[in-house]
């Protein structure tokens, strides 16, 4: 029985990301059932919902890739992990950086680009797990601070 190429690519991406997360010091759990995320990464006792995507290559510009993220809403996913099959590379982007839009990534080295283009491009080398993890933790801390009731009296009381 032949298998759907898209499913094979998806499984390959999930395995590559899971292995990469383990190398980043995470414990990894797989979901079973219908979830909007594929993996749970446990880093320093912080749980992150990770949606794995095979990065789609732009055939006209083979150094550009994108992730389709528009089917996800805030609160369903913490981090998107992209896997570039052609490069055997993994990258990560926090949901709050992408939201419900497509995410585009450039695999050229910074030195290959003009200073202006390098400052505008989402470069592969910048989208590390540590960066996405910090972004998620910063967002979580901000949310918690906004939810914590202040013990300060409200003016006029």
Protein backbone atom coordinates (compact mmCIF):
# COMPACT_ATOMS: atom_id res chain seq x y z
CA UNK A 1 0.00 0.00 0.00
CA UNK A 2 1.47 3.35 -0.98
CA UNK A 3 1.64 6.19 1.51
CA UNK A 4 0.72 9.83 1.06
CA UNK A 5 3.90 11.84 0.46
CA UNK A 6 2.58 14.68 2.64
CA UNK A 7 2.14 12.30 5.57
CA UNK A 8 5.64 10.92 5.13
CA UNK A 9 7.07 14.46 5.04
CA UNK A 10 5.08 15.35 8.16
CA UNK A 11 6.35 12.32 10.06
CA UNK A 12 9.93 13.06 9.00
CA UNK A 13 9.54 16.66 10.18
CA UNK A 14 8.11 15.60 13.56
CA UNK A 15 10.94 13.14 14.17
CA UNK A 16 13.61 15.68 13.15
CA UNK A 17 12.11 18.34 15.43
CA UNK A 18 11.71 15.92 18.35
CA UNK A 19 15.38 14.88 18.04
CA UNK A 20 16.44 18.53 17.81
CA UNK A 21 14.40 19.45 20.90
CA UNK A 22 16.07 16.65 22.87
CA UNK A 23 19.46 18.08 21.85
CA UNK A 24 18.24 21.46 23.16
CA UNK A 25 17.72 19.93 26.62
CA UNK A 26 13.97 19.28 26.36
CA UNK A 27 11.94 16.27 27.26
CA UNK A 28 9.50 15.57 24.43
CA UNK A 29 6.02 14.08 24.54
CA UNK A 30 3.84 13.18 21.58
CA UNK A 31 0.15 13.96 21.43
CA UNK A 32 -2.47 11.31 20.76
CA UNK A 33 -5.79 12.43 19.41
CA UNK A 34 -6.94 15.61 17.75
CA UNK A 35 -4.81 18.51 18.92
CA UNK A 36 -3.64 21.66 17.18
CA UNK A 37 -0.07 20.84 18.22
CA UNK A 38 2.12 17.81 17.54
CA UNK A 39 4.59 17.75 20.43
CA UNK A 40 4.96 18.98 23.98
CA UNK A 41 8.43 20.23 24.83
CA UNK A 42 9.34 20.33 28.51
CA UNK A 43 12.20 22.80 29.02
CA UNK A 44 13.14 23.68 32.59
CA UNK A 45 9.69 22.47 33.76
CA UNK A 46 7.96 24.83 31.31
CA UNK A 47 5.62 23.05 28.91
CA UNK A 48 5.40 24.32 25.34
CA UNK A 49 2.89 23.22 22.71
CA UNK A 50 4.85 22.74 19.49
CA UNK A 51 3.21 22.58 16.06
CA UNK A 52 5.59 21.03 13.54
CA UNK A 53 5.45 22.08 9.91
CA UNK A 54 7.46 21.04 6.89
CA UNK A 55 8.69 24.32 5.43
CA UNK A 56 7.49 24.85 1.87
CA UNK A 57 10.10 26.00 -0.61
CA UNK A 58 9.50 28.85 -3.04
CA UNK A 59 10.46 27.26 -6.38
CA UNK A 60 11.36 30.62 -7.93
CA UNK A 61 13.58 31.57 -4.98
CA UNK A 62 14.92 28.30 -3.54
CA UNK A 63 16.43 30.06 -0.52
CA UNK A 64 12.99 31.16 0.68
CA UNK A 65 10.64 28.99 2.68
CA UNK A 66 7.32 29.53 4.41
CA UNK A 67 5.09 27.99 7.02
CA UNK A 68 1.32 28.10 6.73
CA UNK A 69 -0.02 29.11 10.14
CA UNK A 70 -3.38 30.73 9.40
CA UNK A 71 -5.43 27.81 10.74
CA UNK A 72 -4.15 28.35 14.29
CA UNK A 73 -5.46 30.78 16.88
CA UNK A 74 -3.88 32.33 19.94
CA UNK A 75 -3.79 29.84 22.81
CA UNK A 76 -3.63 26.72 20.62
CA UNK A 77 0.11 26.67 19.92
CA UNK A 78 3.12 28.19 21.69
CA UNK A 79 5.82 27.55 19.10
CA UNK A 80 5.89 26.61 15.44
CA UNK A 81 8.82 24.39 14.50
CA UNK A 82 9.72 24.37 10.83
CA UNK A 83 11.70 21.60 9.20
CA UNK A 84 13.50 22.25 5.93
CA UNK A 85 13.90 18.85 4.29
CA UNK A 86 16.31 20.08 1.60
CA UNK A 87 18.67 21.57 4.20
CA UNK A 88 17.96 19.14 7.07
CA UNK A 89 17.47 22.20 9.29
CA UNK A 90 15.02 23.01 12.07
CA UNK A 91 13.90 26.50 13.05
CA UNK A 92 11.47 27.84 15.64
CA UNK A 93 9.17 30.82 15.85
CA UNK A 94 6.88 31.77 18.73
CA UNK A 95 3.17 32.00 17.95
CA UNK A 96 3.09 35.65 19.02
CA UNK A 97 5.68 36.47 16.35
CA UNK A 98 3.63 34.86 13.58
CA UNK A 99 0.03 34.77 14.71
CA UNK A 100 -2.42 33.68 12.07
CA UNK A 101 -0.21 34.73 9.14
CA UNK A 102 2.24 32.88 6.96
CA UNK A 103 5.83 32.97 8.18
CA UNK A 104 8.58 33.42 5.61
CA UNK A 105 12.21 32.46 6.17
CA UNK A 106 15.38 33.04 4.19
CA UNK A 107 18.17 30.44 4.29
CA UNK A 108 20.90 32.67 2.84
CA UNK A 109 23.80 33.58 5.08
CA UNK A 110 23.74 37.12 6.44
CA UNK A 111 27.03 37.82 4.60
CA UNK A 112 25.36 37.07 1.24
CA UNK A 113 22.84 39.89 1.70
CA UNK A 114 23.11 43.65 1.72
CA UNK A 115 22.91 45.19 5.19
CA UNK A 116 19.40 46.46 4.43
CA UNK A 117 18.12 43.09 3.19
CA UNK A 118 19.77 41.26 6.09
CA UNK A 119 18.03 43.58 8.55
CA UNK A 120 14.64 42.97 6.89
CA UNK A 121 14.85 39.20 6.31
CA UNK A 122 13.87 36.43 8.70
CA UNK A 123 17.14 34.50 8.53
CA UNK A 124 17.37 30.83 9.41
CA UNK A 125 20.33 31.42 11.74
CA UNK A 126 18.23 33.74 13.93
CA UNK A 127 15.28 31.42 14.57
CA UNK A 128 16.72 29.13 17.24
CA UNK A 129 14.82 27.20 19.88
CA UNK A 130 16.38 29.30 22.65
CA UNK A 131 15.12 32.48 21.00
CA UNK A 132 11.57 31.13 20.61
CA UNK A 133 11.65 29.76 24.18
CA UNK A 134 12.69 33.18 25.56
CA UNK A 135 9.96 34.84 23.51
CA UNK A 136 7.34 32.47 24.95
CA UNK A 137 8.57 32.94 28.50
CA UNK A 138 8.59 36.73 28.11
CA UNK A 139 5.00 36.62 26.81
CA UNK A 140 3.94 34.34 29.68
CA UNK A 141 5.52 36.63 32.29
CA UNK A 142 3.81 39.66 30.72
CA UNK A 143 0.43 37.90 30.76
CA UNK A 144 0.88 36.85 34.38
CA UNK A 145 1.80 40.39 35.41
CA UNK A 146 -1.28 41.73 33.63
CA UNK A 147 -3.51 39.17 35.38
CA UNK A 148 -2.07 39.69 38.89
CA UNK A 149 -4.33 42.02 40.86
CA UNK A 150 -2.50 44.95 42.29
CA UNK A 151 -2.45 45.47 46.04
CA UNK A 152 -2.15 49.20 45.41
CA UNK A 153 -5.32 51.15 46.24
CA UNK A 154 -7.12 52.56 43.24
CA UNK A 155 -7.15 56.31 43.15
CA UNK A 156 -10.47 57.71 44.39
CA UNK A 157 -11.15 54.89 46.90
